[in-house]
Structure formats: structure tokens, C-alpha cells
Amino acid sequence: MGLSRPLVSGTLSFASISSSLDLFNPLQTTAYTSRSSRHFFTVFTIKDLGIVKYFLGMEIARGESGTCLNQRKYILDLLKSAGLLGCRSVATPLPLNCRLFLNDSSAYSQLDAYRRLVGRLLYLNLTRPDITYAIQQLSQFVATPSELHWDAAIHVLKYLKGCPSLGLFYPTDTPLVLNAYSDADWGTCPDTRRSLTGYCIILGGSLISWHCKKHATVFVSSAEAEYWALSTTVREMIWLSHLYEDFRVTLPLEKRGIN
């Protein structure tokens, strides 16, 4: 289903691609969908269920102003399974000044519970870029989680309790401008001194790609980390331009900006 390559990053589903095509020409999207459907009917035995409204935990609402994607029901089911439907919400995905590292407290005994929770949060990242950094931090410790790691995962759930309906919105009326924002956190990992790279790419007013990853090597300076983040962002923008060309949408390179 996903088209993006990184593990902890935003992915583009068919619904979000169709929605972003609506930014340019809704009739073009309808024609493309009709051609695709006819081709599928000739190859496979399938049934057309109409416009998608709910798919694998993702709620899709379409209107005249645009398309909204969220995972509200998925979040509520996650909170219910964790016994946190009645908990008090918090304002941030992770506690302020939180730095997680190996062996920062006693080992957490229920490994399967921690791994299962992190896996479900990874899937939630499809429509919740606001928890991308928190998920990246938690996913580092699935082999040997500690009590503090489990507490941080529960903190993410308490944050989601306060905003289960947040998601992505793709407006139909937006300018054809592709903007990207990148950043790097040099030597942020207390165990390995490796850096984090993050970026988000916005098409008009729509967030279409985001990413947060710890690098495999140690950078000797903050400048090197920043340039690597910039390089990663540019590569993603080039890949997106080729993707949209496949959908007959041209994104001029000279109109792109990276900040």
C-alpha cells in the first residue's frame, strides 16, 4: 500500500495520491480512476464498492473543499486495548526534555506488549506526522525495552487521547507549489552519538511526505549533518516529481523551495 521507502516516515496511499491529484484537476482523477478500474476488471475478479470511506483503520472523508484522512477509530481501539480511554491527556507526544537511551532503567518484563504497542503506533504514523519523532525514539528499543521506554510509549497514548481526530487534509483549491523543510539533530543519540535527520514536504497546503531517521554513521560536525539532511530531502523531492509525472502531473523544479 505504501509508496515511501523509509520505515518511520509518511506514506502515500492511493487515496492520498488521488486527493492530491484533485488539487490540479478533479476530472483528471476521475478519468484515471475509471481507466484503472476497467483494467482491473479485465484482469481480476473484483467488485467495485464505490468511493472509499474506511480502509484498514483509516477514515476517509471527501467533500467539496477537499479530502480528510484520519485514524480516529484506530486510536480509540488502541486506547481501549491499553485501558486508557478514561485517562487524562497530555499536551506533547513525549515529556519535555526527554532523552531515551539503553539501560536507562530496569528492564521491562513484557517484551511482547512493548513490541506490539510500538508496531501499532508505527501504523498510526500513516496520518499522524506529529508523533513521527516519538515513534522513531521508541522503535529503537524493541529488542531491550526498559520501564522508562514503556512509560514513554504510554505517554504517547495519553497524547493521542487528547486529539484522536487529528489527521491529514488535502484541499482541492491550492497553488501548484512544492515546499520542503529539513533539519538535523547532530549527535543526539546518547548511546552512539549518531544524528537524526527529519524533513517534511508540502504540496500547496497539503503535507504529502515526512521522515525521521537516525543515521548509520557518526557525523564529525553539525554542518555535515545538516548537509546530509538537505541531500535526503532533495532526493525525496526528485522521487516525488517522478511519481507525479507517472500521474501526468508536472511539478516544475524551478518553483520548488527548500528552507
Protein backbone atom coordinates (compact mmCIF):
# COMPACT_ATOMS: atom_id res chain seq x y z
CA MET A 1 0.00 0.00 0.00
CA GLY A 2 2.73 2.47 0.93
CA LEU A 3 4.93 4.11 -1.65
CA SER A 4 7.53 5.75 0.57
CA ARG A 5 10.65 3.81 1.41
CA PRO A 6 11.75 4.75 4.98
CA LEU A 7 10.40 2.79 7.95
CA VAL A 8 9.43 5.74 10.11
CA SER A 9 8.02 8.14 7.58
CA GLY A 10 4.86 9.30 5.91
CA THR A 11 3.44 7.06 3.23
CA LEU A 12 1.31 7.91 0.24
CA SER A 13 -1.74 5.69 -0.13
CA PHE A 14 -3.77 5.52 -3.35
CA ALA A 15 -6.41 7.66 -1.65
CA SER A 16 -3.94 10.42 -0.78
CA ILE A 17 -2.44 10.39 -4.29
CA SER A 18 -5.91 10.69 -5.79
CA SER A 19 -6.68 13.52 -3.37
CA SER A 20 -3.54 15.40 -4.30
CA LEU A 21 -4.36 14.93 -7.97
CA ASP A 22 -7.67 16.62 -7.18
CA LEU A 23 -5.61 19.71 -6.38
CA PHE A 24 -4.95 20.12 -10.09
CA ASN A 25 -7.90 18.63 -11.96
CA PRO A 26 -10.67 16.58 -10.34
CA LEU A 27 -11.85 15.40 -13.76
CA GLN A 28 -8.37 14.06 -14.47
CA THR A 29 -8.51 12.00 -11.27
CA THR A 30 -11.96 10.62 -12.18
CA ALA A 31 -10.80 9.66 -15.66
CA TYR A 32 -7.68 7.98 -14.29
CA THR A 33 -9.71 6.02 -11.73
CA SER A 34 -12.16 4.89 -14.42
CA ARG A 35 -9.37 3.66 -16.67
CA SER A 36 -7.71 1.84 -13.78
CA SER A 37 -10.99 0.20 -12.77
CA ARG A 38 -11.67 -1.03 -16.29
CA HIS A 39 -8.18 -2.51 -16.47
CA PHE A 40 -8.56 -4.28 -13.11
CA PHE A 41 -11.93 -5.73 -14.16
CA THR A 42 -10.32 -7.32 -17.22
CA VAL A 43 -7.50 -8.92 -15.22
CA PHE A 44 -9.07 -9.79 -11.84
CA THR A 45 -12.45 -10.82 -10.49
CA ILE A 46 -13.27 -7.81 -8.33
CA LYS A 47 -16.25 -5.80 -7.14
CA ASP A 48 -16.47 -2.01 -7.20
CA LEU A 49 -17.60 -0.87 -3.74
CA GLY A 50 -17.76 2.81 -4.66
CA ILE A 51 -15.95 5.70 -3.01
CA VAL A 52 -13.82 4.51 -0.10
CA LYS A 53 -14.80 5.75 3.35
CA TYR A 54 -12.95 3.35 5.65
CA PHE A 55 -9.94 1.20 4.83
CA LEU A 56 -7.66 -0.75 7.21
CA GLY A 57 -8.25 1.59 10.14
CA MET A 58 -8.13 4.77 8.04
CA GLU A 59 -11.20 7.00 7.79
CA ILE A 60 -11.53 8.95 4.52
CA ALA A 61 -13.98 11.85 4.23
CA ARG A 62 -14.40 13.64 0.90
CA GLY A 63 -16.13 16.96 0.39
CA GLU A 64 -16.20 19.96 -1.92
CA SER A 65 -13.31 21.61 -0.07
CA GLY A 66 -11.04 18.55 -0.08
CA THR A 67 -10.31 15.15 1.43
CA CYS A 68 -9.58 14.40 5.09
CA LEU A 69 -7.72 11.31 6.31
CA ASN A 70 -7.60 10.24 9.95
CA GLN A 71 -7.45 7.12 12.12
CA ARG A 72 -9.80 8.11 14.92
CA LYS A 73 -11.40 4.70 15.37
CA TYR A 74 -7.99 3.03 15.26
CA ILE A 75 -6.76 5.34 18.04
CA LEU A 76 -9.82 4.74 20.20
CA ASP A 77 -9.43 0.98 19.78
CA LEU A 78 -5.77 1.32 20.72
CA LEU A 79 -6.63 3.30 23.85
CA LYS A 80 -9.33 0.79 24.78
CA SER A 81 -6.95 -2.16 24.46
CA ALA A 82 -4.45 -0.33 26.69
CA GLY A 83 -7.12 0.58 29.25
CA LEU A 84 -6.56 4.31 28.77
CA LEU A 85 -9.92 5.54 27.46
CA GLY A 86 -10.53 7.39 30.72
CA CYS A 87 -7.00 8.71 31.24
CA ARG A 88 -6.03 12.36 31.43
CA SER A 89 -4.50 13.64 28.19
CA VAL A 90 -1.13 15.38 27.87
CA ALA A 91 -0.03 18.19 25.57
CA THR A 92 3.08 16.69 23.93
CA PRO A 93 3.89 13.28 22.37
CA LEU A 94 6.90 12.86 24.68
CA PRO A 95 7.73 14.52 28.02
CA LEU A 96 9.70 17.75 27.75
CA ASN A 97 13.49 17.28 27.59
CA CYS A 98 13.00 13.51 27.29
CA ARG A 99 16.13 11.63 26.16
CA LEU A 100 15.76 7.86 25.90
CA PHE A 101 18.78 5.56 25.87
CA LEU A 102 19.70 1.95 26.54
CA ASN A 103 19.67 0.69 30.11
CA ASP A 104 18.25 3.97 31.44
CA SER A 105 16.19 2.00 33.99
CA SER A 106 15.27 -1.56 34.90
CA ALA A 107 14.31 -3.87 32.03
CA TYR A 108 10.64 -4.07 31.09
CA SER A 109 9.45 -7.64 31.53
CA GLN A 110 6.61 -7.73 28.96
CA LEU A 111 8.57 -7.57 25.71
CA ASP A 112 5.66 -8.66 23.53
CA ALA A 113 3.42 -5.92 24.89
CA TYR A 114 6.00 -3.22 24.16
CA ARG A 115 6.72 -4.52 20.66
CA ARG A 116 3.03 -4.84 19.86
CA LEU A 117 2.33 -1.29 21.02
CA VAL A 118 5.23 0.19 19.02
CA GLY A 119 4.10 -1.72 15.94
CA ARG A 120 0.59 -0.31 16.23
CA LEU A 121 1.99 3.20 16.68
CA LEU A 122 4.11 2.75 13.55
CA TYR A 123 0.96 2.09 11.54
CA LEU A 124 -0.68 5.14 13.10
CA ASN A 125 2.09 7.26 11.60
CA LEU A 126 0.28 6.99 8.26
CA THR A 127 -1.86 10.00 9.17
CA ARG A 128 -0.14 11.41 12.27
CA PRO A 129 3.18 13.11 11.42
CA ASP A 130 3.09 14.82 14.82
CA ILE A 131 4.18 11.58 16.52
CA THR A 132 6.88 10.61 13.99
CA TYR A 133 9.77 11.63 16.25
CA ALA A 134 8.29 9.85 19.27
CA ILE A 135 7.79 6.65 17.29
CA GLN A 136 11.34 6.81 15.98
CA GLN A 137 12.65 7.07 19.52
CA LEU A 138 10.54 4.20 20.84
CA SER A 139 11.28 1.86 17.92
CA GLN A 140 15.00 1.86 18.77
CA PHE A 141 14.43 -0.23 21.88
CA VAL A 142 12.13 -3.04 20.75
CA ALA A 143 14.91 -5.56 21.49
CA THR A 144 15.58 -4.47 25.09
CA PRO A 145 12.94 -2.02 26.34
CA SER A 146 13.12 -0.57 29.83
CA GLU A 147 10.49 0.69 32.24
CA LEU A 148 11.13 4.28 31.11
CA HIS A 149 10.65 3.27 27.48
CA TRP A 150 7.28 1.75 28.34
CA ASP A 151 6.31 4.90 30.27
CA ALA A 152 7.22 6.99 27.21
CA ALA A 153 5.04 4.78 24.99
CA ILE A 154 2.13 5.23 27.40
CA HIS A 155 2.78 8.99 27.29
CA VAL A 156 2.24 8.88 23.51
CA LEU A 157 -1.10 7.18 24.05
CA LYS A 158 -2.11 9.86 26.55
CA TYR A 159 -1.21 12.50 23.97
CA LEU A 160 -3.39 10.73 21.38
CA LYS A 161 -6.24 10.66 23.90
CA GLY A 162 -6.47 14.44 23.66
CA CYS A 163 -6.54 14.63 19.85
CA PRO A 164 -7.82 11.38 18.29
CA SER A 165 -9.43 13.13 15.31
CA LEU A 166 -6.34 14.89 14.01
CA GLY A 167 -5.23 13.81 10.57
CA LEU A 168 -4.29 15.00 7.10
CA PHE A 169 -6.32 17.35 4.91
CA TYR A 170 -5.89 17.68 1.15
CA PRO A 171 -7.71 20.79 -0.14
CA THR A 172 -8.97 20.91 -3.70
CA ASP A 173 -8.01 24.57 -4.20
CA THR A 174 -4.29 25.10 -3.61
CA PRO A 175 -1.39 26.52 -5.65
CA LEU A 176 1.00 24.25 -7.52
CA VAL A 177 3.98 24.87 -5.23
CA LEU A 178 6.21 22.22 -3.68
CA ASN A 179 7.98 23.26 -0.47
CA ALA A 180 10.30 21.22 1.72
CA TYR A 181 11.65 21.77 5.23
CA SER A 182 14.57 19.78 6.60
CA ASP A 183 16.50 19.72 9.85
CA ALA A 184 19.15 17.66 11.63
CA ASP A 185 19.85 16.99 15.29
CA TRP A 186 23.61 16.44 15.50
CA GLY A 187 24.87 13.72 17.83
CA THR A 188 21.53 13.43 19.57
CA CYS A 189 21.73 9.73 20.42
CA PRO A 190 23.37 9.41 23.87
CA ASP A 191 24.41 5.79 23.17
CA THR A 192 26.01 6.10 19.72
CA ARG A 193 26.34 9.89 19.15
CA ARG A 194 24.62 9.43 15.83
CA SER A 195 22.46 12.19 14.36
CA LEU A 196 18.80 12.44 13.42
CA THR A 197 17.50 13.72 10.11
CA GLY A 198 13.96 14.92 9.55
CA TYR A 199 12.03 16.56 6.75
CA CYS A 200 8.52 17.32 5.58
CA ILE A 201 7.38 18.08 2.04
CA ILE A 202 4.26 20.14 1.39
CA LEU A 203 2.42 20.39 -1.92
CA GLY A 204 0.49 23.63 -1.81
CA GLY A 205 -1.17 23.35 1.58
CA SER A 206 -1.01 19.56 1.77
CA LEU A 207 1.59 17.53 3.63
CA ILE A 208 2.50 14.63 1.33
CA SER A 209 5.76 13.23 2.75
CA TRP A 210 7.60 13.26 6.08
CA HIS A 211 10.52 11.41 7.56
CA CYS A 212 12.58 10.98 10.73
CA LYS A 213 15.57 8.64 10.87
CA LYS A 214 18.77 8.06 12.81
CA HIS A 215 21.84 7.73 10.60
CA ALA A 216 24.03 4.65 10.49
CA THR A 217 27.27 6.63 10.79
CA VAL A 218 28.60 9.35 13.09
CA PHE A 219 28.95 12.83 11.60
CA VAL A 220 32.01 14.81 12.66
CA SER A 221 30.24 18.18 12.59
CA SER A 222 26.80 19.73 12.68
CA ALA A 223 27.39 21.11 9.17
CA GLU A 224 27.83 17.58 7.82
CA ALA A 225 24.59 16.51 9.49
CA GLU A 226 22.71 19.48 8.04
CA TYR A 227 24.03 18.89 4.51
CA TRP A 228 23.09 15.22 4.73
CA ALA A 229 19.56 16.18 5.79
CA LEU A 230 19.37 18.56 2.85
CA SER A 231 20.58 15.85 0.47
CA THR A 232 17.99 13.38 1.78
CA THR A 233 15.24 15.95 1.31
CA VAL A 234 16.26 16.76 -2.26
CA ARG A 235 16.33 13.07 -3.18
CA GLU A 236 12.79 12.67 -1.87
CA MET A 237 11.62 15.70 -3.85
CA ILE A 238 13.11 14.28 -7.04
CA TRP A 239 11.43 10.94 -6.37
CA LEU A 240 8.09 12.68 -5.81
CA SER A 241 8.43 14.62 -9.06
CA HIS A 242 8.91 11.34 -10.95
CA LEU A 243 5.92 9.85 -9.12
CA TYR A 244 3.64 12.70 -10.15
CA GLU A 245 4.92 12.53 -13.72
CA ASP A 246 3.53 8.99 -13.81
CA PHE A 247 0.14 10.54 -13.00
CA ARG A 248 0.61 13.13 -15.77
CA VAL A 249 1.19 15.96 -13.29
CA THR A 250 4.22 18.17 -13.81
CA LEU A 251 5.89 19.89 -10.86
CA PRO A 252 8.39 22.45 -12.24
CA LEU A 253 11.76 22.24 -10.50
CA GLU A 254 12.26 25.99 -10.59
CA LYS A 255 9.18 26.50 -8.41
CA ARG A 256 10.46 24.40 -5.56
CA GLY A 257 11.93 25.81 -2.40
CA ILE A 258 13.85 24.21 0.46
CA ASN A 259 14.09 26.04 3.78
